Amino acid sequence: MTDTAATDTTVPEIAVRLFAGAAAEFGADDATVRARTVGELVEALTAGASPEAARVIGRSSLLVDGVACTDLGRVLAPGSRVDVLPPFAGG
C-alpha cells in the first residue's frame, strides 16, 4: 500500500480480526487499516509485521464480511470487516 493510501481519508478504514496463529504472530487480535482492495489490506498488514507474521498472513484465508475471498483485487467498502484465518493443522 502506498503512503498516500495510508493517510488518504477517502480510502476506507477496514476492521481486521486475526485468529489463532495469525494473531499470535501479528501480536494482536485486531487491527484497523486503510485499504481500497483486499490486496492493499494484506500489504498494509504485512508491511510492518515480522517476516513470520507476514508469511502466516500471506498464507491465511480471508473472509470479507463473512464470505471467503481469494480475489486480491476485490474492492473494500467503508465499514467492511476482514477476518484473517491461518491454515489449521499445519496446512
PDB file of N, CA and C in Angstrom:
ATOM      1  N   MET A   1       0.851  -1.167   0.000  1.00  0.00           N
ATOM      2  CA  MET A   1       0.000   0.000   0.000  1.00  0.00           C
ATOM      3  C   MET A   1       0.893   1.226   0.000  1.00  0.00           C
ATOM      4  N   THR A   2       0.516   2.219  -0.740  1.00  0.00           N
ATOM      5  CA  THR A   2       1.316   3.429  -0.795  1.00  0.00           C
ATOM      6  C   THR A   2       1.094   4.270   0.446  1.00  0.00           C
ATOM      7  N   ASP A   3       2.055   5.159   0.715  1.00  0.00           N
ATOM      8  CA  ASP A   3       1.899   6.050   1.857  1.00  0.00           C
ATOM      9  C   ASP A   3       0.669   6.925   1.693  1.00  0.00           C
ATOM     10  N   THR A   4       0.343   7.283   0.444  1.00  0.00           N
ATOM     11  CA  THR A   4      -0.837   8.100   0.193  1.00  0.00           C
ATOM     12  C   THR A   4      -2.094   7.405   0.689  1.00  0.00           C
ATOM     13  N   ALA A   5      -2.229   6.107   0.393  1.00  0.00           N
ATOM     14  CA  ALA A   5      -3.416   5.374   0.835  1.00  0.00           C
ATOM     15  C   ALA A   5      -3.496   5.319   2.355  1.00  0.00           C
ATOM     16  N   ALA A   6      -2.355   5.213   3.009  1.00  0.00           N
ATOM     17  CA  ALA A   6      -2.346   5.110   4.467  1.00  0.00           C
ATOM     18  C   ALA A   6      -2.839   6.389   5.134  1.00  0.00           C
ATOM     19  N   THR A   7      -2.666   7.531   4.471  1.00  0.00           N
ATOM     20  CA  THR A   7      -3.065   8.795   5.078  1.00  0.00           C
ATOM     21  C   THR A   7      -4.253   9.444   4.380  1.00  0.00           C
ATOM     22  N   ASP A   8      -4.677   8.903   3.259  1.00  0.00           N
ATOM     23  CA  ASP A   8      -5.789   9.458   2.489  1.00  0.00           C
ATOM     24  C   ASP A   8      -7.100   9.095   3.169  1.00  0.00           C
ATOM     25  N   THR A   9      -7.812  10.098   3.655  1.00  0.00           N
ATOM     26  CA  THR A   9      -9.049   9.825   4.386  1.00  0.00           C
ATOM     27  C   THR A   9     -10.182   9.374   3.474  1.00  0.00           C
ATOM     28  N   THR A  10      -9.993   9.424   2.141  1.00  0.00           N
ATOM     29  CA  THR A  10     -11.013   8.895   1.235  1.00  0.00           C
ATOM     30  C   THR A  10     -10.876   7.388   1.074  1.00  0.00           C
ATOM     31  N   VAL A  11      -9.750   6.832   1.523  1.00  0.00           N
ATOM     32  CA  VAL A  11      -9.560   5.380   1.495  1.00  0.00           C
ATOM     33  C   VAL A  11     -10.236   4.815   2.735  1.00  0.00           C
ATOM     34  N   PRO A  12     -11.125   3.827   2.563  1.00  0.00           N
ATOM     35  CA  PRO A  12     -11.894   3.353   3.723  1.00  0.00           C
ATOM     36  C   PRO A  12     -11.034   2.708   4.803  1.00  0.00           C
ATOM     37  N   GLU A  13     -11.454   2.931   6.045  1.00  0.00           N
ATOM     38  CA  GLU A  13     -10.869   2.216   7.178  1.00  0.00           C
ATOM     39  C   GLU A  13     -11.542   0.853   7.254  1.00  0.00           C
ATOM     40  N   ILE A  14     -10.725  -0.177   7.344  1.00  0.00           N
ATOM     41  CA  ILE A  14     -11.233  -1.543   7.363  1.00  0.00           C
ATOM     42  C   ILE A  14     -10.851  -2.199   8.684  1.00  0.00           C
ATOM     43  N   ALA A  15     -11.829  -2.779   9.355  1.00  0.00           N
ATOM     44  CA  ALA A  15     -11.584  -3.522  10.591  1.00  0.00           C
ATOM     45  C   ALA A  15     -11.092  -4.916  10.228  1.00  0.00           C
ATOM     46  N   VAL A  16     -10.023  -5.337  10.879  1.00  0.00           N
ATOM     47  CA  VAL A  16      -9.429  -6.645  10.623  1.00  0.00           C
ATOM     48  C   VAL A  16      -9.389  -7.420  11.932  1.00  0.00           C
ATOM     49  N   ARG A  17      -9.858  -8.667  11.877  1.00  0.00           N
ATOM     50  CA  ARG A  17      -9.734  -9.566  13.031  1.00  0.00           C
ATOM     51  C   ARG A  17      -8.783 -10.683  12.629  1.00  0.00           C
ATOM     52  N   LEU A  18      -7.810 -10.951  13.481  1.00  0.00           N
ATOM     53  CA  LEU A  18      -6.835 -12.010  13.238  1.00  0.00           C
ATOM     54  C   LEU A  18      -7.077 -13.128  14.235  1.00  0.00           C
ATOM     55  N   PHE A  19      -6.972 -14.355  13.763  1.00  0.00           N
ATOM     56  CA  PHE A  19      -7.267 -15.516  14.597  1.00  0.00           C
ATOM     57  C   PHE A  19      -6.049 -16.424  14.726  1.00  0.00           C
ATOM     58  N   ALA A  20      -6.019 -17.150  15.840  1.00  0.00           N
ATOM     59  CA  ALA A  20      -5.045 -18.217  16.121  1.00  0.00           C
ATOM     60  C   ALA A  20      -3.614 -17.760  15.815  1.00  0.00           C
ATOM     61  N   GLY A  21      -2.909 -18.522  14.976  1.00  0.00           N
ATOM     62  CA  GLY A  21      -1.506 -18.252  14.677  1.00  0.00           C
ATOM     63  C   GLY A  21      -1.276 -16.896  14.042  1.00  0.00           C
ATOM     64  N   ALA A  22      -2.238 -16.400  13.266  1.00  0.00           N
ATOM     65  CA  ALA A  22      -2.091 -15.071  12.655  1.00  0.00           C
ATOM     66  C   ALA A  22      -2.062 -14.003  13.746  1.00  0.00           C
ATOM     67  N   ALA A  23      -2.935 -14.120  14.725  1.00  0.00           N
ATOM     68  CA  ALA A  23      -2.950 -13.167  15.838  1.00  0.00           C
ATOM     69  C   ALA A  23      -1.689 -13.292  16.679  1.00  0.00           C
ATOM     70  N   ALA A  24      -1.273 -14.528  16.933  1.00  0.00           N
ATOM     71  CA  ALA A  24      -0.077 -14.738  17.746  1.00  0.00           C
ATOM     72  C   ALA A  24       1.156 -14.127  17.082  1.00  0.00           C
ATOM     73  N   GLU A  25       1.321 -14.345  15.787  1.00  0.00           N
ATOM     74  CA  GLU A  25       2.486 -13.811  15.086  1.00  0.00           C
ATOM     75  C   GLU A  25       2.389 -12.303  14.887  1.00  0.00           C
ATOM     76  N   PHE A  26       1.185 -11.800  14.624  1.00  0.00           N
ATOM     77  CA  PHE A  26       0.984 -10.371  14.399  1.00  0.00           C
ATOM     78  C   PHE A  26       1.094  -9.594  15.707  1.00  0.00           C
ATOM     79  N   GLY A  27       0.748 -10.249  16.811  1.00  0.00           N
ATOM     80  CA  GLY A  27       0.839  -9.612  18.118  1.00  0.00           C
ATOM     81  C   GLY A  27      -0.423  -8.879  18.537  1.00  0.00           C
ATOM     82  N   ALA A  28      -1.526  -9.148  17.828  1.00  0.00           N
ATOM     83  CA  ALA A  28      -2.809  -8.516  18.173  1.00  0.00           C
ATOM     84  C   ALA A  28      -3.935  -9.323  17.554  1.00  0.00           C
ATOM     85  N   ASP A  29      -5.103  -9.243  18.190  1.00  0.00           N
ATOM     86  CA  ASP A  29      -6.291  -9.925  17.667  1.00  0.00           C
ATOM     87  C   ASP A  29      -7.028  -9.091  16.629  1.00  0.00           C
ATOM     88  N   ASP A  30      -6.754  -7.787  16.625  1.00  0.00           N
ATOM     89  CA  ASP A  30      -7.456  -6.941  15.661  1.00  0.00           C
ATOM     90  C   ASP A  30      -6.571  -5.779  15.246  1.00  0.00           C
ATOM     91  N   ALA A  31      -6.974  -5.165  14.144  1.00  0.00           N
ATOM     92  CA  ALA A  31      -6.257  -4.010  13.610  1.00  0.00           C
ATOM     93  C   ALA A  31      -7.235  -3.215  12.759  1.00  0.00           C
ATOM     94  N   THR A  32      -6.886  -1.992  12.494  1.00  0.00           N
ATOM     95  CA  THR A  32      -7.635  -1.169  11.557  1.00  0.00           C
ATOM     96  C   THR A  32      -6.638  -0.644  10.539  1.00  0.00           C
ATOM     97  N   VAL A  33      -6.949  -0.853   9.266  1.00  0.00           N
ATOM     98  CA  VAL A  33      -6.063  -0.371   8.208  1.00  0.00           C
ATOM     99  C   VAL A  33      -6.884   0.384   7.177  1.00  0.00           C
ATOM    100  N   ARG A  34      -6.221   1.236   6.442  1.00  0.00           N
ATOM    101  CA  ARG A  34      -6.854   1.913   5.307  1.00  0.00           C
ATOM    102  C   ARG A  34      -6.441   1.155   4.055  1.00  0.00           C
ATOM    103  N   ALA A  35      -7.443   0.720   3.295  1.00  0.00           N
ATOM    104  CA  ALA A  35      -7.168  -0.044   2.083  1.00  0.00           C
ATOM    105  C   ALA A  35      -8.356   0.040   1.148  1.00  0.00           C
ATOM    106  N   ARG A  36      -8.054   0.113  -0.141  1.00  0.00           N
ATOM    107  CA  ARG A  36      -9.113   0.119  -1.153  1.00  0.00           C
ATOM    108  C   ARG A  36      -9.488  -1.294  -1.579  1.00  0.00           C
ATOM    109  N   THR A  37      -8.493  -2.189  -1.553  1.00  0.00           N
ATOM    110  CA  THR A  37      -8.701  -3.556  -2.026  1.00  0.00           C
ATOM    111  C   THR A  37      -8.175  -4.551  -0.998  1.00  0.00           C
ATOM    112  N   VAL A  38      -8.534  -5.809  -1.194  1.00  0.00           N
ATOM    113  CA  VAL A  38      -8.031  -6.867  -0.312  1.00  0.00           C
ATOM    114  C   VAL A  38      -6.505  -6.936  -0.410  1.00  0.00           C
ATOM    115  N   GLY A  39      -5.959  -6.782  -1.599  1.00  0.00           N
ATOM    116  CA  GLY A  39      -4.504  -6.799  -1.770  1.00  0.00           C
ATOM    117  C   GLY A  39      -3.823  -5.689  -0.990  1.00  0.00           C
ATOM    118  N   GLU A  40      -4.384  -4.490  -1.034  1.00  0.00           N
ATOM    119  CA  GLU A  40      -3.823  -3.378  -0.256  1.00  0.00           C
ATOM    120  C   GLU A  40      -3.904  -3.667   1.233  1.00  0.00           C
ATOM    121  N   LEU A  41      -4.977  -4.307   1.645  1.00  0.00           N
ATOM    122  CA  LEU A  41      -5.136  -4.653   3.054  1.00  0.00           C
ATOM    123  C   LEU A  41      -4.037  -5.625   3.487  1.00  0.00           C
ATOM    124  N   VAL A  42      -3.779  -6.649   2.690  1.00  0.00           N
ATOM    125  CA  VAL A  42      -2.725  -7.614   3.018  1.00  0.00           C
ATOM    126  C   VAL A  42      -1.372  -6.902   3.064  1.00  0.00           C
ATOM    127  N   GLU A  43      -1.119  -6.027   2.096  1.00  0.00           N
ATOM    128  CA  GLU A  43       0.138  -5.268   2.093  1.00  0.00           C
ATOM    129  C   GLU A  43       0.270  -4.418   3.347  1.00  0.00           C
ATOM    130  N   ALA A  44      -0.815  -3.762   3.743  1.00  0.00           N
ATOM    131  CA  ALA A  44      -0.784  -2.913   4.931  1.00  0.00           C
ATOM    132  C   ALA A  44      -0.512  -3.729   6.189  1.00  0.00           C
ATOM    133  N   LEU A  45      -1.125  -4.890   6.296  1.00  0.00           N
ATOM    134  CA  LEU A  45      -0.913  -5.734   7.478  1.00  0.00           C
ATOM    135  C   LEU A  45       0.512  -6.265   7.543  1.00  0.00           C
ATOM    136  N   THR A  46       1.064  -6.642   6.408  1.00  0.00           N
ATOM    137  CA  THR A  46       2.377  -7.280   6.400  1.00  0.00           C
ATOM    138  C   THR A  46       3.531  -6.287   6.355  1.00  0.00           C
ATOM    139  N   ALA A  47       3.269  -5.043   5.986  1.00  0.00           N
ATOM    140  CA  ALA A  47       4.335  -4.045   5.829  1.00  0.00           C
ATOM    141  C   ALA A  47       5.168  -3.871   7.100  1.00  0.00           C
ATOM    142  N   GLY A  48       4.543  -3.780   8.244  1.00  0.00           N
ATOM    143  CA  GLY A  48       5.283  -3.569   9.480  1.00  0.00           C
ATOM    144  C   GLY A  48       5.404  -4.815  10.331  1.00  0.00           C
ATOM    145  N   ALA A  49       4.993  -5.941   9.779  1.00  0.00           N
ATOM    146  CA  ALA A  49       4.978  -7.191  10.550  1.00  0.00           C
ATOM    147  C   ALA A  49       6.331  -7.900  10.460  1.00  0.00           C
ATOM    148  N   SER A  50       6.542  -8.803  11.385  1.00  0.00           N
ATOM    149  CA  SER A  50       7.744  -9.632  11.335  1.00  0.00           C
ATOM    150  C   SER A  50       7.669 -10.532  10.103  1.00  0.00           C
ATOM    151  N   PRO A  51       8.804 -11.066   9.653  1.00  0.00           N
ATOM    152  CA  PRO A  51       8.771 -11.973   8.498  1.00  0.00           C
ATOM    153  C   PRO A  51       7.849 -13.170   8.722  1.00  0.00           C
ATOM    154  N   GLU A  52       7.828 -13.716   9.927  1.00  0.00           N
ATOM    155  CA  GLU A  52       6.957 -14.866  10.200  1.00  0.00           C
ATOM    156  C   GLU A  52       5.482 -14.466  10.180  1.00  0.00           C
ATOM    157  N   ALA A  53       5.161 -13.305  10.751  1.00  0.00           N
ATOM    158  CA  ALA A  53       3.773 -12.826  10.704  1.00  0.00           C
ATOM    159  C   ALA A  53       3.345 -12.589   9.266  1.00  0.00           C
ATOM    160  N   ALA A  54       4.209 -11.998   8.459  1.00  0.00           N
ATOM    161  CA  ALA A  54       3.893 -11.759   7.045  1.00  0.00           C
ATOM    162  C   ALA A  54       3.667 -13.078   6.315  1.00  0.00           C
ATOM    163  N   ARG A  55       4.468 -14.088   6.629  1.00  0.00           N
ATOM    164  CA  ARG A  55       4.316 -15.399   5.997  1.00  0.00           C
ATOM    165  C   ARG A  55       2.972 -16.012   6.371  1.00  0.00           C
ATOM    166  N   VAL A  56       2.628 -15.982   7.648  1.00  0.00           N
ATOM    167  CA  VAL A  56       1.363 -16.567   8.096  1.00  0.00           C
ATOM    168  C   VAL A  56       0.175 -15.811   7.494  1.00  0.00           C
ATOM    169  N   ILE A  57       0.222 -14.497   7.520  1.00  0.00           N
ATOM    170  CA  ILE A  57      -0.878 -13.705   6.948  1.00  0.00           C
ATOM    171  C   ILE A  57      -1.004 -13.973   5.455  1.00  0.00           C
ATOM    172  N   GLY A  58       0.117 -14.068   4.769  1.00  0.00           N
ATOM    173  CA  GLY A  58       0.102 -14.341   3.337  1.00  0.00           C
ATOM    174  C   GLY A  58      -0.489 -15.683   2.971  1.00  0.00           C
ATOM    175  N   ARG A  59      -0.428 -16.647   3.864  1.00  0.00           N
ATOM    176  CA  ARG A  59      -0.971 -17.985   3.621  1.00  0.00           C
ATOM    177  C   ARG A  59      -2.371 -18.165   4.194  1.00  0.00           C
ATOM    178  N   SER A  60      -2.885 -17.160   4.866  1.00  0.00           N
ATOM    179  CA  SER A  60      -4.173 -17.273   5.534  1.00  0.00           C
ATOM    180  C   SER A  60      -5.343 -17.140   4.567  1.00  0.00           C
ATOM    181  N   SER A  61      -6.473 -17.699   4.989  1.00  0.00           N
ATOM    182  CA  SER A  61      -7.733 -17.492   4.283  1.00  0.00           C
ATOM    183  C   SER A  61      -8.316 -16.168   4.764  1.00  0.00           C
ATOM    184  N   LEU A  62      -8.984 -15.475   3.859  1.00  0.00           N
ATOM    185  CA  LEU A  62      -9.577 -14.189   4.198  1.00  0.00           C
ATOM    186  C   LEU A  62     -11.084 -14.253   4.009  1.00  0.00           C
ATOM    187  N   LEU A  63     -11.793 -13.723   4.984  1.00  0.00           N
ATOM    188  CA  LEU A  63     -13.234 -13.580   4.875  1.00  0.00           C
ATOM    189  C   LEU A  63     -13.544 -12.093   4.848  1.00  0.00           C
ATOM    190  N   VAL A  64     -14.256 -11.657   3.825  1.00  0.00           N
ATOM    191  CA  VAL A  64     -14.686 -10.266   3.734  1.00  0.00           C
ATOM    192  C   VAL A  64     -16.175 -10.235   4.071  1.00  0.00           C
ATOM    193  N   ASP A  65     -16.485  -9.602   5.170  1.00  0.00           N
ATOM    194  CA  ASP A  65     -17.862  -9.549   5.654  1.00  0.00           C
ATOM    195  C   ASP A  65     -18.476 -10.943   5.729  1.00  0.00           C
ATOM    196  N   GLY A  66     -17.674 -11.897   6.204  1.00  0.00           N
ATOM    197  CA  GLY A  66     -18.149 -13.256   6.443  1.00  0.00           C
ATOM    198  C   GLY A  66     -18.125 -14.181   5.246  1.00  0.00           C
ATOM    199  N   VAL A  67     -17.640 -13.709   4.085  1.00  0.00           N
ATOM    200  CA  VAL A  67     -17.622 -14.525   2.869  1.00  0.00           C
ATOM    201  C   VAL A  67     -16.178 -14.721   2.422  1.00  0.00           C
ATOM    202  N   ALA A  68     -15.801 -15.975   2.139  1.00  0.00           N
ATOM    203  CA  ALA A  68     -14.439 -16.274   1.706  1.00  0.00           C
ATOM    204  C   ALA A  68     -14.078 -15.452   0.472  1.00  0.00           C
ATOM    205  N   CYS A  69     -12.843 -14.953   0.457  1.00  0.00           N
ATOM    206  CA  CYS A  69     -12.389 -14.119  -0.643  1.00  0.00           C
ATOM    207  C   CYS A  69     -10.964 -14.493  -1.025  1.00  0.00           C
ATOM    208  N   THR A  70     -10.761 -14.819  -2.296  1.00  0.00           N
ATOM    209  CA  THR A  70      -9.419 -15.094  -2.808  1.00  0.00           C
ATOM    210  C   THR A  70      -8.989 -14.041  -3.825  1.00  0.00           C
ATOM    211  N   ASP A  71      -9.865 -13.096  -4.130  1.00  0.00           N
ATOM    212  CA  ASP A  71      -9.601 -12.055  -5.125  1.00  0.00           C
ATOM    213  C   ASP A  71      -8.941 -10.857  -4.458  1.00  0.00           C
ATOM    214  N   LEU A  72      -7.614 -10.716  -4.650  1.00  0.00           N
ATOM    215  CA  LEU A  72      -6.901  -9.608  -4.024  1.00  0.00           C
ATOM    216  C   LEU A  72      -7.302  -8.261  -4.609  1.00  0.00           C
ATOM    217  N   GLY A  73      -7.948  -8.267  -5.761  1.00  0.00           N
ATOM    218  CA  GLY A  73      -8.412  -7.036  -6.370  1.00  0.00           C
ATOM    219  C   GLY A  73      -9.798  -6.603  -5.915  1.00  0.00           C
ATOM    220  N   ARG A  74     -10.412  -7.409  -5.075  1.00  0.00           N
ATOM    221  CA  ARG A  74     -11.766  -7.060  -4.601  1.00  0.00           C
ATOM    222  C   ARG A  74     -11.744  -5.723  -3.885  1.00  0.00           C
ATOM    223  N   VAL A  75     -12.662  -4.859  -4.267  1.00  0.00           N
ATOM    224  CA  VAL A  75     -12.761  -3.534  -3.672  1.00  0.00           C
ATOM    225  C   VAL A  75     -13.483  -3.645  -2.331  1.00  0.00           C
ATOM    226  N   LEU A  76     -12.918  -2.982  -1.339  1.00  0.00           N
ATOM    227  CA  LEU A  76     -13.499  -2.983   0.003  1.00  0.00           C
ATOM    228  C   LEU A  76     -14.348  -1.736   0.205  1.00  0.00           C
ATOM    229  N   ALA A  77     -15.478  -1.916   0.832  1.00  0.00           N
ATOM    230  CA  ALA A  77     -16.388  -0.805   1.119  1.00  0.00           C
ATOM    231  C   ALA A  77     -16.127  -0.270   2.523  1.00  0.00           C
ATOM    232  N   PRO A  78     -16.412   1.008   2.729  1.00  0.00           N
ATOM    233  CA  PRO A  78     -16.302   1.532   4.088  1.00  0.00           C
ATOM    234  C   PRO A  78     -17.145   0.677   5.041  1.00  0.00           C
ATOM    235  N   GLY A  79     -16.569   0.355   6.177  1.00  0.00           N
ATOM    236  CA  GLY A  79     -17.282  -0.452   7.157  1.00  0.00           C
ATOM    237  C   GLY A  79     -17.104  -1.952   6.976  1.00  0.00           C
ATOM    238  N   SER A  80     -16.378  -2.375   5.937  1.00  0.00           N
ATOM    239  CA  SER A  80     -16.129  -3.811   5.755  1.00  0.00           C
ATOM    240  C   SER A  80     -15.287  -4.348   6.897  1.00  0.00           C
ATOM    241  N   ARG A  81     -15.438  -5.645   7.129  1.00  0.00           N
ATOM    242  CA  ARG A  81     -14.605  -6.333   8.118  1.00  0.00           C
ATOM    243  C   ARG A  81     -13.942  -7.507   7.421  1.00  0.00           C
ATOM    244  N   VAL A  82     -12.655  -7.671   7.671  1.00  0.00           N
ATOM    245  CA  VAL A  82     -11.908  -8.777   7.094  1.00  0.00           C
ATOM    246  C   VAL A  82     -11.376  -9.644   8.232  1.00  0.00           C
ATOM    247  N   ASP A  83     -11.652 -10.930   8.148  1.00  0.00           N
ATOM    248  CA  ASP A  83     -11.135 -11.901   9.115  1.00  0.00           C
ATOM    249  C   ASP A  83      -9.973 -12.638   8.475  1.00  0.00           C
ATOM    250  N   VAL A  84      -8.885 -12.801   9.223  1.00  0.00           N
ATOM    251  CA  VAL A  84      -7.684 -13.487   8.753  1.00  0.00           C
ATOM    252  C   VAL A  84      -7.590 -14.810   9.508  1.00  0.00           C
ATOM    253  N   LEU A  85      -7.778 -15.907   8.775  1.00  0.00           N
ATOM    254  CA  LEU A  85      -7.787 -17.255   9.363  1.00  0.00           C
ATOM    255  C   LEU A  85      -6.586 -18.023   8.858  1.00  0.00           C
ATOM    256  N   PRO A  86      -5.617 -18.304   9.724  1.00  0.00           N
ATOM    257  CA  PRO A  86      -4.430 -19.027   9.280  1.00  0.00           C
ATOM    258  C   PRO A  86      -4.741 -20.474   8.938  1.00  0.00           C
ATOM    259  N   PRO A  87      -3.828 -21.125   8.198  1.00  0.00           N
ATOM    260  CA  PRO A  87      -4.015 -22.550   7.927  1.00  0.00           C
ATOM    261  C   PRO A  87      -4.064 -23.318   9.261  1.00  0.00           C
ATOM    262  N   PHE A  88      -4.915 -24.320   9.312  1.00  0.00           N
ATOM    263  CA  PHE A  88      -5.048 -25.122  10.528  1.00  0.00           C
ATOM    264  C   PHE A  88      -4.337 -26.453  10.342  1.00  0.00           C
ATOM    265  N   ALA A  89      -3.921 -27.047  11.429  1.00  0.00           N
ATOM    266  CA  ALA A  89      -3.276 -28.376  11.442  1.00  0.00           C
ATOM    267  C   ALA A  89      -2.092 -28.404  10.494  1.00  0.00           C
ATOM    268  N   GLY A  90      -1.310 -27.335  10.497  1.00  0.00           N
ATOM    269  CA  GLY A  90      -0.094 -27.310   9.707  1.00  0.00           C
ATOM    270  C   GLY A  90      -0.320 -27.068   8.234  1.00  0.00           C
ATOM    271  N   GLY A  91      -1.591 -26.875   7.791  1.00  0.00           N
ATOM    272  CA  GLY A  91      -1.922 -26.707   6.382  1.00  0.00           C
ATOM    273  C   GLY A  91      -1.473 -25.455   5.863  1.00  0.00           C
TER     274      GLY A  91
END
